[in-house]
Amino acid sequence: MREPLTASRTTTQRVPHDLTRLVYELLDAHDDTVQLAHEGAVEEWQWHLRYLRDLQRVGREILADTTSP
């Protein structure tokens, strides 16, 4: 499992980089979820759910940064 992606206050030049990182992080999170479900790793679910909530929050921040003037 990976540590959650952290939002960085971006300039216009950094936005594409942050979006690319976000997409890769979402793909990795999906793969981690599938693996945990397949393995039945019950004890790791609590950590993984916190990671997904953090990822959702950071993703929303990055998306907000891309749409703000």
PDB file of N, CA and C in Angstrom:
ATOM      1  N   MET A   1       0.830  -1.184   0.000  1.00  0.00           N
ATOM      2  CA  MET A   1       0.000   0.000   0.000  1.00  0.00           C
ATOM      3  C   MET A   1       0.871   1.242   0.000  1.00  0.00           C
ATOM      4  N   ARG A   2       0.344   2.275  -0.585  1.00  0.00           N
ATOM      5  CA  ARG A   2       1.073   3.524  -0.687  1.00  0.00           C
ATOM      6  C   ARG A   2       0.503   4.557   0.279  1.00  0.00           C
ATOM      7  N   GLU A   3       1.325   5.521   0.614  1.00  0.00           N
ATOM      8  CA  GLU A   3       0.852   6.658   1.379  1.00  0.00           C
ATOM      9  C   GLU A   3      -0.033   7.497   0.475  1.00  0.00           C
ATOM     10  N   PRO A   4      -1.053   8.174   1.024  1.00  0.00           N
ATOM     11  CA  PRO A   4      -1.936   8.989   0.189  1.00  0.00           C
ATOM     12  C   PRO A   4      -1.189  10.115  -0.509  1.00  0.00           C
ATOM     13  N   LEU A   5      -1.648  10.425  -1.679  1.00  0.00           N
ATOM     14  CA  LEU A   5      -1.142  11.560  -2.436  1.00  0.00           C
ATOM     15  C   LEU A   5      -1.443  12.826  -1.648  1.00  0.00           C
ATOM     16  N   THR A   6      -0.522  13.766  -1.620  1.00  0.00           N
ATOM     17  CA  THR A   6      -0.779  15.020  -0.920  1.00  0.00           C
ATOM     18  C   THR A   6      -0.972  16.124  -1.937  1.00  0.00           C
ATOM     19  N   ALA A   7      -1.914  16.982  -1.636  1.00  0.00           N
ATOM     20  CA  ALA A   7      -2.186  18.097  -2.537  1.00  0.00           C
ATOM     21  C   ALA A   7      -1.099  19.137  -2.377  1.00  0.00           C
ATOM     22  N   SER A   8      -0.697  19.708  -3.475  1.00  0.00           N
ATOM     23  CA  SER A   8       0.238  20.817  -3.417  1.00  0.00           C
ATOM     24  C   SER A   8      -0.462  22.019  -4.027  1.00  0.00           C
ATOM     25  N   ARG A   9      -0.244  23.146  -3.454  1.00  0.00           N
ATOM     26  CA  ARG A   9      -0.810  24.357  -4.046  1.00  0.00           C
ATOM     27  C   ARG A   9      -0.097  24.574  -5.356  1.00  0.00           C
ATOM     28  N   THR A  10      -0.849  24.538  -6.423  1.00  0.00           N
ATOM     29  CA  THR A  10      -0.218  24.509  -7.739  1.00  0.00           C
ATOM     30  C   THR A  10      -0.361  25.831  -8.472  1.00  0.00           C
ATOM     31  N   THR A  11       0.556  26.015  -9.374  1.00  0.00           N
ATOM     32  CA  THR A  11       0.439  27.085 -10.344  1.00  0.00           C
ATOM     33  C   THR A  11      -0.152  26.470 -11.601  1.00  0.00           C
ATOM     34  N   THR A  12      -0.463  27.252 -12.567  1.00  0.00           N
ATOM     35  CA  THR A  12      -1.045  26.746 -13.804  1.00  0.00           C
ATOM     36  C   THR A  12      -0.141  25.710 -14.462  1.00  0.00           C
ATOM     37  N   GLN A  13       1.164  25.874 -14.384  1.00  0.00           N
ATOM     38  CA  GLN A  13       2.083  24.928 -15.010  1.00  0.00           C
ATOM     39  C   GLN A  13       2.081  23.574 -14.304  1.00  0.00           C
ATOM     40  N   ARG A  14       1.775  23.519 -13.002  1.00  0.00           N
ATOM     41  CA  ARG A  14       1.822  22.275 -12.250  1.00  0.00           C
ATOM     42  C   ARG A  14       0.527  21.473 -12.338  1.00  0.00           C
ATOM     43  N   VAL A  15      -0.548  22.079 -12.769  1.00  0.00           N
ATOM     44  CA  VAL A  15      -1.848  21.392 -12.790  1.00  0.00           C
ATOM     45  C   VAL A  15      -1.813  20.107 -13.609  1.00  0.00           C
ATOM     46  N   PRO A  16      -1.310  20.087 -14.844  1.00  0.00           N
ATOM     47  CA  PRO A  16      -1.292  18.816 -15.584  1.00  0.00           C
ATOM     48  C   PRO A  16      -0.509  17.725 -14.858  1.00  0.00           C
ATOM     49  N   HIS A  17       0.598  18.080 -14.223  1.00  0.00           N
ATOM     50  CA  HIS A  17       1.387  17.102 -13.471  1.00  0.00           C
ATOM     51  C   HIS A  17       0.565  16.535 -12.312  1.00  0.00           C
ATOM     52  N   ASP A  18      -0.118  17.389 -11.570  1.00  0.00           N
ATOM     53  CA  ASP A  18      -0.933  16.934 -10.446  1.00  0.00           C
ATOM     54  C   ASP A  18      -2.075  16.044 -10.917  1.00  0.00           C
ATOM     55  N   LEU A  19      -2.698  16.387 -12.032  1.00  0.00           N
ATOM     56  CA  LEU A  19      -3.780  15.554 -12.558  1.00  0.00           C
ATOM     57  C   LEU A  19      -3.260  14.189 -12.994  1.00  0.00           C
ATOM     58  N   THR A  20      -2.099  14.155 -13.596  1.00  0.00           N
ATOM     59  CA  THR A  20      -1.498  12.885 -14.004  1.00  0.00           C
ATOM     60  C   THR A  20      -1.203  12.028 -12.783  1.00  0.00           C
ATOM     61  N   ARG A  21      -0.614  12.617 -11.759  1.00  0.00           N
ATOM     62  CA  ARG A  21      -0.335  11.882 -10.515  1.00  0.00           C
ATOM     63  C   ARG A  21      -1.622  11.366  -9.893  1.00  0.00           C
ATOM     64  N   LEU A  22      -2.679  12.185  -9.921  1.00  0.00           N
ATOM     65  CA  LEU A  22      -3.961  11.783  -9.353  1.00  0.00           C
ATOM     66  C   LEU A  22      -4.529  10.575 -10.094  1.00  0.00           C
ATOM     67  N   VAL A  23      -4.481  10.595 -11.408  1.00  0.00           N
ATOM     68  CA  VAL A  23      -5.004   9.474 -12.192  1.00  0.00           C
ATOM     69  C   VAL A  23      -4.243   8.193 -11.872  1.00  0.00           C
ATOM     70  N   TYR A  24      -2.929   8.264 -11.830  1.00  0.00           N
ATOM     71  CA  TYR A  24      -2.144   7.072 -11.500  1.00  0.00           C
ATOM     72  C   TYR A  24      -2.442   6.588 -10.078  1.00  0.00           C
ATOM     73  N   GLU A  25      -2.598   7.508  -9.153  1.00  0.00           N
ATOM     74  CA  GLU A  25      -2.911   7.129  -7.772  1.00  0.00           C
ATOM     75  C   GLU A  25      -4.278   6.445  -7.693  1.00  0.00           C
ATOM     76  N   LEU A  26      -5.255   6.958  -8.451  1.00  0.00           N
ATOM     77  CA  LEU A  26      -6.581   6.332  -8.475  1.00  0.00           C
ATOM     78  C   LEU A  26      -6.522   4.928  -9.071  1.00  0.00           C
ATOM     79  N   LEU A  27      -5.742   4.756 -10.130  1.00  0.00           N
ATOM     80  CA  LEU A  27      -5.585   3.428 -10.731  1.00  0.00           C
ATOM     81  C   LEU A  27      -4.921   2.464  -9.752  1.00  0.00           C
ATOM     82  N   ASP A  28      -3.890   2.930  -9.060  1.00  0.00           N
ATOM     83  CA  ASP A  28      -3.226   2.084  -8.074  1.00  0.00           C
ATOM     84  C   ASP A  28      -4.166   1.736  -6.920  1.00  0.00           C
ATOM     85  N   ALA A  29      -4.964   2.702  -6.481  1.00  0.00           N
ATOM     86  CA  ALA A  29      -5.903   2.449  -5.387  1.00  0.00           C
ATOM     87  C   ALA A  29      -6.933   1.401  -5.795  1.00  0.00           C
ATOM     88  N   HIS A  30      -7.382   1.469  -7.027  1.00  0.00           N
ATOM     89  CA  HIS A  30      -8.330   0.476  -7.524  1.00  0.00           C
ATOM     90  C   HIS A  30      -7.700  -0.918  -7.495  1.00  0.00           C
ATOM     91  N   ASP A  31      -6.476  -1.019  -7.959  1.00  0.00           N
ATOM     92  CA  ASP A  31      -5.779  -2.297  -7.962  1.00  0.00           C
ATOM     93  C   ASP A  31      -5.581  -2.820  -6.536  1.00  0.00           C
ATOM     94  N   ASP A  32      -5.207  -1.941  -5.619  1.00  0.00           N
ATOM     95  CA  ASP A  32      -5.049  -2.342  -4.217  1.00  0.00           C
ATOM     96  C   ASP A  32      -6.364  -2.874  -3.655  1.00  0.00           C
ATOM     97  N   THR A  33      -7.469  -2.214  -3.987  1.00  0.00           N
ATOM     98  CA  THR A  33      -8.781  -2.638  -3.496  1.00  0.00           C
ATOM     99  C   THR A  33      -9.126  -4.033  -4.001  1.00  0.00           C
ATOM    100  N   VAL A  34      -8.881  -4.270  -5.272  1.00  0.00           N
ATOM    101  CA  VAL A  34      -9.161  -5.589  -5.852  1.00  0.00           C
ATOM    102  C   VAL A  34      -8.306  -6.658  -5.176  1.00  0.00           C
ATOM    103  N   GLN A  35      -7.029  -6.370  -4.966  1.00  0.00           N
ATOM    104  CA  GLN A  35      -6.147  -7.344  -4.327  1.00  0.00           C
ATOM    105  C   GLN A  35      -6.575  -7.650  -2.898  1.00  0.00           C
ATOM    106  N   LEU A  36      -6.928  -6.613  -2.143  1.00  0.00           N
ATOM    107  CA  LEU A  36      -7.376  -6.831  -0.764  1.00  0.00           C
ATOM    108  C   LEU A  36      -8.652  -7.656  -0.724  1.00  0.00           C
ATOM    109  N   ALA A  37      -9.572  -7.378  -1.627  1.00  0.00           N
ATOM    110  CA  ALA A  37     -10.824  -8.132  -1.675  1.00  0.00           C
ATOM    111  C   ALA A  37     -10.549  -9.594  -2.025  1.00  0.00           C
ATOM    112  N   HIS A  38      -9.673  -9.807  -2.955  1.00  0.00           N
ATOM    113  CA  HIS A  38      -9.346 -11.170  -3.379  1.00  0.00           C
ATOM    114  C   HIS A  38      -8.643 -11.956  -2.262  1.00  0.00           C
ATOM    115  N   GLU A  39      -7.771 -11.281  -1.528  1.00  0.00           N
ATOM    116  CA  GLU A  39      -7.013 -11.937  -0.460  1.00  0.00           C
ATOM    117  C   GLU A  39      -7.819 -12.071   0.824  1.00  0.00           C
ATOM    118  N   GLY A  40      -8.920 -11.337   0.924  1.00  0.00           N
ATOM    119  CA  GLY A  40      -9.698 -11.358   2.156  1.00  0.00           C
ATOM    120  C   GLY A  40      -8.944 -10.774   3.328  1.00  0.00           C
ATOM    121  N   ALA A  41      -8.143  -9.755   3.077  1.00  0.00           N
ATOM    122  CA  ALA A  41      -7.294  -9.133   4.097  1.00  0.00           C
ATOM    123  C   ALA A  41      -8.122  -8.190   4.965  1.00  0.00           C
ATOM    124  N   VAL A  42      -8.892  -8.776   5.868  1.00  0.00           N
ATOM    125  CA  VAL A  42      -9.831  -8.017   6.695  1.00  0.00           C
ATOM    126  C   VAL A  42      -9.123  -6.963   7.537  1.00  0.00           C
ATOM    127  N   GLU A  43      -8.006  -7.306   8.128  1.00  0.00           N
ATOM    128  CA  GLU A  43      -7.317  -6.380   9.028  1.00  0.00           C
ATOM    129  C   GLU A  43      -6.777  -5.157   8.300  1.00  0.00           C
ATOM    130  N   GLU A  44      -6.484  -5.296   7.030  1.00  0.00           N
ATOM    131  CA  GLU A  44      -5.942  -4.167   6.271  1.00  0.00           C
ATOM    132  C   GLU A  44      -7.032  -3.243   5.731  1.00  0.00           C
ATOM    133  N   TRP A  45      -8.278  -3.657   5.796  1.00  0.00           N
ATOM    134  CA  TRP A  45      -9.366  -2.839   5.237  1.00  0.00           C
ATOM    135  C   TRP A  45      -9.505  -1.490   5.913  1.00  0.00           C
ATOM    136  N   GLN A  46      -9.369  -1.432   7.231  1.00  0.00           N
ATOM    137  CA  GLN A  46      -9.528  -0.150   7.932  1.00  0.00           C
ATOM    138  C   GLN A  46      -8.500   0.862   7.448  1.00  0.00           C
ATOM    139  N   TRP A  47      -7.245   0.419   7.332  1.00  0.00           N
ATOM    140  CA  TRP A  47      -6.205   1.316   6.820  1.00  0.00           C
ATOM    141  C   TRP A  47      -6.520   1.723   5.400  1.00  0.00           C
ATOM    142  N   HIS A  48      -6.938   0.765   4.577  1.00  0.00           N
ATOM    143  CA  HIS A  48      -7.212   1.040   3.165  1.00  0.00           C
ATOM    144  C   HIS A  48      -8.382   2.007   3.009  1.00  0.00           C
ATOM    145  N   LEU A  49      -9.408   1.862   3.833  1.00  0.00           N
ATOM    146  CA  LEU A  49     -10.548   2.780   3.757  1.00  0.00           C
ATOM    147  C   LEU A  49     -10.144   4.204   4.131  1.00  0.00           C
ATOM    148  N   ARG A  50      -9.270   4.344   5.124  1.00  0.00           N
ATOM    149  CA  ARG A  50      -8.762   5.687   5.459  1.00  0.00           C
ATOM    150  C   ARG A  50      -7.967   6.263   4.295  1.00  0.00           C
ATOM    151  N   TYR A  51      -7.157   5.428   3.679  1.00  0.00           N
ATOM    152  CA  TYR A  51      -6.382   5.843   2.502  1.00  0.00           C
ATOM    153  C   TYR A  51      -7.310   6.313   1.382  1.00  0.00           C
ATOM    154  N   LEU A  52      -8.388   5.569   1.128  1.00  0.00           N
ATOM    155  CA  LEU A  52      -9.330   5.963   0.067  1.00  0.00           C
ATOM    156  C   LEU A  52     -10.028   7.275   0.398  1.00  0.00           C
ATOM    157  N   ARG A  53     -10.392   7.476   1.672  1.00  0.00           N
ATOM    158  CA  ARG A  53     -11.018   8.758   2.060  1.00  0.00           C
ATOM    159  C   ARG A  53     -10.044   9.919   1.872  1.00  0.00           C
ATOM    160  N   ASP A  54      -8.775   9.715   2.258  1.00  0.00           N
ATOM    161  CA  ASP A  54      -7.766  10.757   2.054  1.00  0.00           C
ATOM    162  C   ASP A  54      -7.558  11.031   0.568  1.00  0.00           C
ATOM    163  N   LEU A  55      -7.530   9.971  -0.215  1.00  0.00           N
ATOM    164  CA  LEU A  55      -7.366  10.120  -1.662  1.00  0.00           C
ATOM    165  C   LEU A  55      -8.533  10.892  -2.267  1.00  0.00           C
ATOM    166  N   GLN A  56      -9.731  10.624  -1.800  1.00  0.00           N
ATOM    167  CA  GLN A  56     -10.897  11.353  -2.293  1.00  0.00           C
ATOM    168  C   GLN A  56     -10.779  12.844  -1.965  1.00  0.00           C
ATOM    169  N   ARG A  57     -10.379  13.154  -0.729  1.00  0.00           N
ATOM    170  CA  ARG A  57     -10.245  14.554  -0.317  1.00  0.00           C
ATOM    171  C   ARG A  57      -9.195  15.270  -1.164  1.00  0.00           C
ATOM    172  N   VAL A  58      -8.033  14.642  -1.330  1.00  0.00           N
ATOM    173  CA  VAL A  58      -6.950  15.257  -2.106  1.00  0.00           C
ATOM    174  C   VAL A  58      -7.364  15.386  -3.565  1.00  0.00           C
ATOM    175  N   GLY A  59      -8.026  14.380  -4.099  1.00  0.00           N
ATOM    176  CA  GLY A  59      -8.502  14.449  -5.484  1.00  0.00           C
ATOM    177  C   GLY A  59      -9.438  15.624  -5.698  1.00  0.00           C
ATOM    178  N   ARG A  60     -10.336  15.825  -4.745  1.00  0.00           N
ATOM    179  CA  ARG A  60     -11.253  16.975  -4.853  1.00  0.00           C
ATOM    180  C   ARG A  60     -10.500  18.299  -4.800  1.00  0.00           C
ATOM    181  N   GLU A  61      -9.464  18.363  -3.952  1.00  0.00           N
ATOM    182  CA  GLU A  61      -8.662  19.591  -3.870  1.00  0.00           C
ATOM    183  C   GLU A  61      -7.945  19.861  -5.194  1.00  0.00           C
ATOM    184  N   ILE A  62      -7.373  18.821  -5.769  1.00  0.00           N
ATOM    185  CA  ILE A  62      -6.658  18.990  -7.051  1.00  0.00           C
ATOM    186  C   ILE A  62      -7.636  19.420  -8.147  1.00  0.00           C
ATOM    187  N   LEU A  63      -8.789  18.774  -8.185  1.00  0.00           N
ATOM    188  CA  LEU A  63      -9.797  19.151  -9.192  1.00  0.00           C
ATOM    189  C   LEU A  63     -10.287  20.574  -8.991  1.00  0.00           C
ATOM    190  N   ALA A  64     -10.451  20.977  -7.734  1.00  0.00           N
ATOM    191  CA  ALA A  64     -10.863  22.366  -7.463  1.00  0.00           C
ATOM    192  C   ALA A  64      -9.806  23.339  -7.933  1.00  0.00           C
ATOM    193  N   ASP A  65      -8.534  22.983  -7.744  1.00  0.00           N
ATOM    194  CA  ASP A  65      -7.448  23.854  -8.195  1.00  0.00           C
ATOM    195  C   ASP A  65      -7.447  23.999  -9.730  1.00  0.00           C
ATOM    196  N   THR A  66      -7.855  22.955 -10.437  1.00  0.00           N
ATOM    197  CA  THR A  66      -7.839  23.019 -11.894  1.00  0.00           C
ATOM    198  C   THR A  66      -8.985  23.856 -12.439  1.00  0.00           C
ATOM    199  N   THR A  67     -10.041  24.021 -11.665  1.00  0.00           N
ATOM    200  CA  THR A  67     -11.200  24.772 -12.155  1.00  0.00           C
ATOM    201  C   THR A  67     -11.267  26.188 -11.594  1.00  0.00           C
ATOM    202  N   SER A  68     -10.418  26.502 -10.610  1.00  0.00           N
ATOM    203  CA  SER A  68     -10.452  27.861 -10.050  1.00  0.00           C
ATOM    204  C   SER A  68      -9.645  28.792 -10.944  1.00  0.00           C
ATOM    205  N   PRO A  69     -10.137  30.031 -11.083  1.00  0.00           N
ATOM    206  CA  PRO A  69      -9.436  30.986 -11.967  1.00  0.00           C
ATOM    207  C   PRO A  69      -8.095  31.433 -11.423  1.00  0.00           C
TER     208      PRO A  69
END
